[in-house]
N, C-alpha and C. Protein backbone atom coordinates (compact mmCIF):
# COMPACT_ATOMS: atom_id res chain seq x y z
N MET A 1 -31.86 4.86 64.65
CA MET A 1 -30.68 4.55 66.38
C MET A 1 -31.11 5.92 66.08
N PRO A 2 -30.76 6.88 67.72
CA PRO A 2 -30.50 7.47 68.25
C PRO A 2 -28.93 7.24 69.47
N LEU A 3 -27.96 7.88 68.89
CA LEU A 3 -26.81 7.59 69.22
C LEU A 3 -27.01 7.87 70.48
N ASP A 4 -27.63 8.45 70.98
CA ASP A 4 -27.61 8.67 73.05
C ASP A 4 -28.28 7.11 73.11
N SER A 5 -28.62 6.82 72.28
CA SER A 5 -29.62 5.42 73.13
C SER A 5 -27.71 4.20 73.04
N ILE A 6 -26.93 4.80 72.28
CA ILE A 6 -25.83 3.74 72.68
C ILE A 6 -24.44 4.62 72.86
N GLN A 7 -24.62 5.47 73.39
CA GLN A 7 -24.03 6.61 73.87
C GLN A 7 -23.38 6.45 75.68
N TYR A 8 -25.08 6.98 76.54
CA TYR A 8 -25.35 6.81 77.33
C TYR A 8 -26.19 5.49 78.28
N ARG A 9 -25.63 5.08 79.64
CA ARG A 9 -26.53 4.23 79.56
C ARG A 9 -28.13 4.59 80.92
N PRO A 10 -28.80 3.61 80.65
CA PRO A 10 -29.95 4.28 81.65
C PRO A 10 -29.59 5.01 82.61
N GLY A 11 -30.27 5.90 82.83
CA GLY A 11 -29.73 7.23 84.22
C GLY A 11 -28.61 8.11 84.06
N GLY A 12 -28.66 8.69 82.71
CA GLY A 12 -27.23 9.28 82.25
C GLY A 12 -26.06 9.66 81.80
N ASP A 13 -25.68 7.58 82.12
CA ASP A 13 -24.31 8.56 82.54
C ASP A 13 -23.37 7.51 80.88
N GLU A 14 -22.50 8.37 81.17
CA GLU A 14 -21.50 7.90 79.38
C GLU A 14 -21.50 6.85 79.83
N VAL A 15 -21.00 5.03 78.46
CA VAL A 15 -20.27 4.69 78.44
C VAL A 15 -19.34 5.22 78.26
N PRO A 16 -17.94 4.02 78.74
CA PRO A 16 -16.91 4.26 78.19
C PRO A 16 -16.30 4.44 76.39
N HIS A 17 -15.77 5.23 76.23
CA HIS A 17 -15.37 6.65 75.29
C HIS A 17 -15.70 5.06 73.74
N ALA A 18 -14.96 3.89 74.66
CA ALA A 18 -13.68 2.60 73.90
C ALA A 18 -15.42 1.44 73.54
N GLU A 19 -15.86 1.77 74.63
CA GLU A 19 -17.08 1.02 74.51
C GLU A 19 -18.10 1.32 73.28
N PHE A 20 -18.25 2.80 72.95
CA PHE A 20 -19.32 3.49 72.76
C PHE A 20 -19.09 3.41 71.12
N LYS A 21 -17.73 3.21 70.81
CA LYS A 21 -16.88 3.25 69.29
C LYS A 21 -17.14 1.47 68.72
N ALA A 22 -16.86 0.49 70.15
CA ALA A 22 -17.02 -0.62 68.98
C ALA A 22 -18.61 -0.46 68.66
N ALA A 23 -19.30 0.04 70.12
CA ALA A 23 -21.08 -0.05 69.90
C ALA A 23 -21.08 0.51 68.08
N HIS A 24 -21.05 1.48 67.97
CA HIS A 24 -20.91 2.71 66.79
C HIS A 24 -19.99 1.95 65.27
N GLU A 25 -19.25 1.00 65.81
CA GLU A 25 -18.38 -0.06 64.50
C GLU A 25 -19.38 -0.43 64.39
N ALA A 26 -20.16 -1.65 65.55
CA ALA A 26 -21.47 -2.46 65.23
C ALA A 26 -22.02 -2.28 64.18
N LEU A 27 -22.95 -1.24 64.73
CA LEU A 27 -24.09 -0.31 63.83
C LEU A 27 -23.39 -0.67 62.27
N LEU A 28 -22.22 0.19 61.97
CA LEU A 28 -21.80 0.46 61.15
C LEU A 28 -21.91 -0.64 59.86
N GLN A 29 -21.53 -1.51 60.34
CA GLN A 29 -21.10 -3.12 60.12
C GLN A 29 -22.14 -3.79 59.46
N GLN A 30 -23.57 -3.28 59.68
CA GLN A 30 -24.70 -3.87 59.50
C GLN A 30 -24.96 -3.42 57.59
N ASP A 31 -26.31 -3.78 57.58
CA ASP A 31 -26.33 -3.67 56.06
C ASP A 31 -27.21 -2.14 55.81
N GLN A 32 -28.03 -2.22 56.46
CA GLN A 32 -29.16 -0.55 56.44
C GLN A 32 -28.80 0.05 57.83
N TRP A 33 -28.85 1.41 58.14
CA TRP A 33 -28.92 2.03 59.18
C TRP A 33 -29.29 3.19 58.98
N ILE A 34 -29.57 3.17 60.24
CA ILE A 34 -30.47 4.96 60.52
C ILE A 34 -29.63 5.44 62.00
N VAL A 35 -28.85 6.80 61.47
CA VAL A 35 -28.48 7.42 62.89
C VAL A 35 -29.25 8.55 62.72
N ASP A 36 -28.87 8.95 64.62
CA ASP A 36 -29.43 10.38 64.83
C ASP A 36 -29.13 11.08 66.09
N GLY A 37 -27.65 11.94 65.95
CA GLY A 37 -27.53 13.03 66.71
C GLY A 37 -25.46 12.56 65.89
N PHE A 38 -24.90 12.83 67.09
CA PHE A 38 -23.23 13.53 66.78
C PHE A 38 -22.65 12.99 67.40
N GLY A 39 -23.02 12.06 68.16
CA GLY A 39 -21.72 11.33 68.86
C GLY A 39 -21.03 12.09 68.88
N SER A 40 -19.32 12.02 68.28
CA SER A 40 -18.47 11.93 68.63
C SER A 40 -17.89 13.10 67.75
N MET A 41 -16.77 13.08 67.76
CA MET A 41 -15.83 14.13 67.19
C MET A 41 -15.51 12.76 65.82
N ASP A 42 -14.66 12.38 66.11
CA ASP A 42 -13.83 10.65 66.22
C ASP A 42 -15.12 9.62 65.14
N THR A 43 -16.11 10.05 65.71
CA THR A 43 -17.14 8.59 65.05
C THR A 43 -17.59 9.66 63.33
N VAL A 44 -17.53 11.57 63.50
CA VAL A 44 -19.70 11.88 63.36
C VAL A 44 -18.78 11.56 61.93
N TRP A 45 -17.56 11.76 61.43
CA TRP A 45 -17.07 11.37 59.55
C TRP A 45 -16.80 10.52 59.02
N GLU A 46 -15.86 9.09 60.24
CA GLU A 46 -16.14 7.92 59.99
C GLU A 46 -18.12 7.67 59.05
N ARG A 47 -18.48 8.04 60.10
CA ARG A 47 -20.06 7.76 59.74
C ARG A 47 -20.97 8.25 58.69
N LEU A 48 -20.08 9.80 58.41
CA LEU A 48 -20.70 10.77 57.52
C LEU A 48 -19.88 10.26 55.62
N ASN A 49 -19.05 9.81 56.18
CA ASN A 49 -18.20 8.34 55.05
C ASN A 49 -18.86 7.60 54.89
N VAL A 50 -19.10 6.37 55.35
CA VAL A 50 -19.72 5.00 54.44
C VAL A 50 -21.52 5.32 54.83
N ALA A 51 -21.64 6.06 54.74
CA ALA A 51 -23.99 6.49 54.85
C ALA A 51 -23.57 6.57 53.36
N ASP A 52 -24.48 6.09 53.33
CA ASP A 52 -25.23 6.18 50.89
C ASP A 52 -25.56 7.91 50.87
N THR A 53 -26.42 7.66 52.36
CA THR A 53 -27.31 8.83 52.12
C THR A 53 -27.09 9.85 52.72
N LEU A 54 -27.16 10.66 52.85
CA LEU A 54 -27.60 11.87 53.90
C LEU A 54 -28.35 12.62 54.18
N VAL A 55 -29.31 12.95 55.65
CA VAL A 55 -29.59 14.10 55.41
C VAL A 55 -29.28 15.19 56.82
N TYR A 56 -28.79 16.46 55.91
CA TYR A 56 -28.60 17.49 56.94
C TYR A 56 -29.16 18.72 57.05
N LEU A 57 -29.72 18.31 58.84
CA LEU A 57 -30.52 19.72 59.21
C LEU A 57 -29.68 20.71 59.70
N ASP A 58 -30.33 21.93 58.56
CA ASP A 58 -28.84 23.29 58.55
C ASP A 58 -29.82 24.19 58.66
N MET A 59 -30.13 24.39 59.87
CA MET A 59 -31.49 25.41 59.98
C MET A 59 -30.44 26.36 61.28
N PRO A 60 -31.47 27.79 61.50
CA PRO A 60 -31.27 28.45 61.93
C PRO A 60 -30.41 28.02 63.13
N VAL A 61 -30.13 29.03 64.40
CA VAL A 61 -29.44 28.14 65.13
C VAL A 61 -30.86 28.46 65.93
N TRP A 62 -31.25 29.65 65.90
CA TRP A 62 -32.43 29.79 66.86
C TRP A 62 -33.33 28.26 66.75
N ARG A 63 -33.66 28.20 66.05
CA ARG A 63 -34.41 26.55 65.97
C ARG A 63 -33.36 25.19 66.49
N HIS A 64 -32.81 25.50 66.49
CA HIS A 64 -31.75 24.28 67.41
C HIS A 64 -32.32 24.76 68.97
N TYR A 65 -31.87 25.46 69.26
CA TYR A 65 -32.24 26.24 70.23
C TYR A 65 -33.63 25.41 70.77
N TRP A 66 -34.91 25.77 69.89
CA TRP A 66 -35.85 25.80 70.09
C TRP A 66 -36.09 24.18 70.22
N TRP A 67 -35.90 23.60 69.46
CA TRP A 67 -35.79 22.10 69.51
C TRP A 67 -35.45 21.34 70.80
N VAL A 68 -34.32 22.57 70.56
CA VAL A 68 -33.91 20.93 72.51
C VAL A 68 -34.93 21.85 73.61
N THR A 69 -35.41 23.52 73.49
CA THR A 69 -36.32 23.63 74.69
C THR A 69 -37.32 22.83 73.97
N LYS A 70 -38.15 22.21 72.78
CA LYS A 70 -39.73 21.86 72.80
C LYS A 70 -39.28 20.23 73.08
N ARG A 71 -38.17 19.71 73.61
CA ARG A 71 -37.81 18.55 74.05
C ARG A 71 -38.03 18.09 75.25
N PHE A 72 -37.70 18.94 75.89
CA PHE A 72 -37.56 19.63 77.25
C PHE A 72 -38.85 19.42 77.50
N LEU A 73 -39.79 20.00 76.47
CA LEU A 73 -40.70 20.64 77.63
C LEU A 73 -41.46 19.77 77.13
N THR A 74 -41.71 19.57 76.48
CA THR A 74 -42.42 17.61 75.42
C THR A 74 -41.98 16.75 76.35
N GLY A 75 -40.92 16.69 77.44
CA GLY A 75 -40.55 15.40 77.88
C GLY A 75 -41.26 15.59 79.69
N LEU A 76 -41.01 16.55 79.84
CA LEU A 76 -42.74 16.83 80.74
C LEU A 76 -43.66 15.67 81.43
N TRP A 77 -43.94 14.95 80.16
CA TRP A 77 -45.08 14.83 80.09
C TRP A 77 -44.43 13.28 79.25
N VAL A 78 -44.53 13.64 78.79
CA VAL A 78 -43.68 11.89 77.34
C VAL A 78 -42.47 11.89 76.94
N HIS A 79 -41.74 10.62 78.00
CA HIS A 79 -40.42 10.04 77.45
C HIS A 79 -40.25 10.53 75.97
N PRO A 80 -38.70 11.68 75.65
CA PRO A 80 -38.46 11.91 74.22
C PRO A 80 -38.19 10.21 74.02
N ALA A 81 -38.04 10.14 72.69
CA ALA A 81 -37.57 8.84 71.88
C ALA A 81 -36.07 8.72 71.80
N GLY A 82 -35.60 7.59 72.27
CA GLY A 82 -34.50 7.64 72.16
C GLY A 82 -32.69 8.30 73.14
N TRP A 83 -34.19 9.09 74.88
CA TRP A 83 -33.01 9.53 75.39
C TRP A 83 -33.49 8.17 76.35
N PRO A 84 -32.21 8.56 77.28
CA PRO A 84 -31.88 7.01 77.75
C PRO A 84 -33.01 6.27 78.94
N GLU A 85 -33.52 5.60 79.79
CA GLU A 85 -34.20 5.28 80.64
C GLU A 85 -33.30 6.39 81.60
N GLY A 86 -34.39 6.77 82.89
CA GLY A 86 -33.74 7.25 84.07
C GLY A 86 -33.21 8.39 83.96
N SER A 87 -32.82 9.32 82.19
CA SER A 87 -31.83 9.85 82.06
C SER A 87 -32.38 11.49 82.80
N SER A 88 -31.22 12.13 83.99
CA SER A 88 -31.96 13.98 83.59
C SER A 88 -32.06 14.04 82.36
N LEU A 89 -34.00 14.81 82.43
CA LEU A 89 -33.92 15.59 81.24
C LEU A 89 -33.17 17.38 81.96
N LEU A 90 -33.49 17.10 82.29
CA LEU A 90 -33.50 18.95 82.88
C LEU A 90 -31.73 18.88 82.73
N LYS A 91 -31.38 17.65 83.32
CA LYS A 91 -29.53 17.62 83.14
C LYS A 91 -28.64 17.16 81.53
N GLY A 92 -29.78 16.88 80.73
CA GLY A 92 -29.31 16.77 79.51
C GLY A 92 -29.30 18.33 78.43
N THR A 93 -30.45 18.73 78.69
CA THR A 93 -31.11 20.17 78.60
C THR A 93 -29.82 21.13 78.41
N LEU A 94 -29.11 21.13 79.42
CA LEU A 94 -28.62 22.46 80.09
C LEU A 94 -27.83 22.13 80.13
N LYS A 95 -26.75 20.76 79.05
CA LYS A 95 -26.28 20.23 78.42
C LYS A 95 -25.64 20.20 77.00
N SER A 96 -27.33 20.89 76.37
CA SER A 96 -27.57 20.72 75.05
C SER A 96 -26.93 22.00 74.73
N TYR A 97 -27.39 23.14 75.71
CA TYR A 97 -27.35 23.99 74.23
C TYR A 97 -26.18 25.13 74.50
N PRO A 98 -25.04 24.60 75.22
CA PRO A 98 -23.66 25.23 74.30
C PRO A 98 -23.16 24.05 73.39
N THR A 99 -23.80 23.19 73.54
CA THR A 99 -22.85 21.69 72.18
C THR A 99 -23.95 22.84 71.04
N VAL A 100 -25.10 23.14 71.45
CA VAL A 100 -25.77 23.68 69.66
C VAL A 100 -25.01 25.16 69.49
N ARG A 101 -24.89 26.02 70.52
CA ARG A 101 -24.01 26.48 70.35
C ARG A 101 -22.72 26.70 69.36
N LEU A 102 -21.84 25.16 70.25
CA LEU A 102 -20.16 25.26 69.99
C LEU A 102 -20.59 24.53 68.52
N CYS A 103 -21.57 24.21 68.46
CA CYS A 103 -22.16 22.31 67.27
C CYS A 103 -21.65 23.95 65.69
N HIS A 104 -22.49 25.30 66.09
CA HIS A 104 -23.09 26.13 65.52
C HIS A 104 -22.30 26.72 64.73
N ALA A 105 -21.32 26.61 65.98
CA ALA A 105 -19.64 27.49 65.49
C ALA A 105 -19.00 26.79 64.81
N LYS A 106 -18.29 25.52 65.14
CA LYS A 106 -17.40 24.80 64.91
C LYS A 106 -17.59 23.88 63.67
N LEU A 107 -18.61 23.71 64.35
CA LEU A 107 -19.04 22.97 62.96
C LEU A 107 -20.33 22.70 61.58
N THR A 108 -20.83 23.93 61.67
CA THR A 108 -21.99 24.14 60.59
C THR A 108 -21.02 24.34 59.68
N PRO A 109 -20.06 24.53 59.57
CA PRO A 109 -18.84 25.12 58.09
C PRO A 109 -18.04 23.76 57.63
N LYS A 110 -17.70 23.01 58.52
CA LYS A 110 -17.60 21.60 57.81
C LYS A 110 -18.62 21.22 57.55
N TYR A 111 -19.60 20.97 58.51
CA TYR A 111 -20.28 19.93 57.53
C TYR A 111 -20.95 20.53 56.15
N ARG A 112 -21.46 22.01 56.31
CA ARG A 112 -21.89 22.46 54.71
C ARG A 112 -20.68 22.19 53.71
N GLU A 113 -19.57 22.92 54.11
CA GLU A 113 -18.66 22.02 52.93
C GLU A 113 -18.54 20.53 52.62
N TYR A 114 -18.73 19.36 53.67
CA TYR A 114 -18.51 18.14 53.82
C TYR A 114 -20.48 17.38 52.90
N VAL A 115 -21.41 18.63 52.81
CA VAL A 115 -21.90 17.84 51.93
C VAL A 115 -21.87 18.61 50.79
N ALA A 116 -21.97 19.07 50.53
CA ALA A 116 -21.08 20.00 49.11
C ALA A 116 -20.44 19.30 48.38
N GLN A 117 -19.87 18.76 48.60
CA GLN A 117 -18.62 17.39 48.06
C GLN A 117 -18.88 15.96 48.19
N ALA A 118 -20.22 15.98 49.17
CA ALA A 118 -20.54 14.63 49.09
C ALA A 118 -21.26 14.55 48.08
N LYS A 119 -22.14 15.18 47.74
CA LYS A 119 -23.03 15.24 46.39
C LYS A 119 -22.52 14.66 45.67
N ALA A 120 -21.45 14.02 45.24
CA ALA A 120 -20.38 13.34 43.94
C ALA A 120 -21.00 12.30 43.94
N THR A 121 -20.87 11.99 45.72
CA THR A 121 -20.70 10.56 45.92
C THR A 121 -22.09 9.60 46.44
N GLN A 122 -22.99 10.34 46.90
CA GLN A 122 -23.74 10.22 48.05
C GLN A 122 -25.08 10.87 47.59
N GLN A 123 -26.23 10.37 48.40
CA GLN A 123 -27.78 10.60 47.97
C GLN A 123 -27.44 11.57 49.19
N VAL A 124 -27.20 13.21 48.98
CA VAL A 124 -27.63 14.04 50.15
C VAL A 124 -28.58 15.08 49.66
N TYR A 125 -29.46 15.19 51.55
CA TYR A 125 -30.68 16.15 51.41
C TYR A 125 -29.41 17.11 51.95
N HIS A 126 -29.62 18.57 52.00
CA HIS A 126 -29.49 19.36 52.21
C HIS A 126 -30.30 20.46 52.65
N LEU A 127 -31.96 19.92 54.12
CA LEU A 127 -32.99 20.77 54.68
C LEU A 127 -32.07 22.03 55.07
N ARG A 128 -32.78 22.85 54.47
CA ARG A 128 -32.16 24.85 55.35
C ARG A 128 -33.34 25.43 55.61
N SER A 129 -34.86 24.66 55.15
CA SER A 129 -35.99 25.52 55.72
C SER A 129 -36.78 24.04 56.44
N ARG A 130 -38.43 24.83 56.88
CA ARG A 130 -39.35 24.08 57.53
C ARG A 130 -40.44 23.11 56.01
N SER A 131 -40.28 23.75 54.50
CA SER A 131 -40.12 23.23 53.91
C SER A 131 -39.39 22.74 53.17
N ASP A 132 -38.57 22.50 53.73
CA ASP A 132 -37.23 21.76 52.89
C ASP A 132 -37.86 20.07 53.24
N ILE A 133 -38.08 20.79 54.68
CA ILE A 133 -38.23 19.12 55.43
C ILE A 133 -39.48 18.55 54.73
N GLU A 134 -40.17 19.01 55.48
CA GLU A 134 -42.63 18.39 53.94
C GLU A 134 -41.78 18.21 52.87
N GLN A 135 -40.81 18.94 52.16
CA GLN A 135 -40.92 18.61 50.78
C GLN A 135 -39.92 17.25 50.80
N PHE A 136 -38.52 16.53 51.57
CA PHE A 136 -37.95 15.87 51.73
C PHE A 136 -39.20 14.71 52.47
N PHE A 137 -40.36 14.55 53.63
CA PHE A 137 -41.13 14.18 53.77
C PHE A 137 -42.04 13.05 52.17
N GLN A 138 -42.68 14.46 51.90
CA GLN A 138 -43.21 14.21 51.04
C GLN A 138 -41.83 12.80 49.73
N THR A 139 -41.18 13.58 48.96
CA THR A 139 -39.98 12.10 48.80
C THR A 139 -39.70 11.28 49.03
N VAL A 140 -39.71 10.83 50.80
CA VAL A 140 -38.84 9.86 51.26
C VAL A 140 -40.73 9.22 50.96
N ALA A 141 -41.75 9.09 51.16
CA ALA A 141 -43.33 9.35 51.29
C ALA A 141 -43.58 8.67 49.80
N ALA A 142 -43.45 9.20 48.32
CA ALA A 142 -43.98 8.45 47.19
C ALA A 142 -42.82 7.62 47.02
N GLU A 143 -41.88 7.46 47.13
CA GLU A 143 -40.73 6.39 47.51
C GLU A 143 -41.11 5.00 47.72
N PHE A 144 -41.72 5.02 48.86
CA PHE A 144 -41.85 3.43 49.61
C PHE A 144 -43.78 3.40 49.73
């Protein structure tokens, strides 16, 4: 589930934080879940702590900028999966660029430390390259 789908309303307005947290908590109470996205500082660590498997895309910052740009360009023709209906793709894209920069500067070191420690108790896929991503997909395909 893209976290944007519970964090934003159709049209792009943010839901009140308490409402987002309640939806996030309900999601974590399910037997199985897959989450894509950041959410908020007060939910990310909670989510990471209860997950049994972590897939961390630890790519160079330029690649994250490219993915944001690619989502925008592709979104001109095809609605991005998980993107709130009626939400401005341009506005969201412009908001994403500083978020990528801040996350890379502030959170990437913390994420790296977290996943290094999490390997002791959780299944961790720390993907650092395109070949790591391809190998991950092959591993998942072989399991299912």
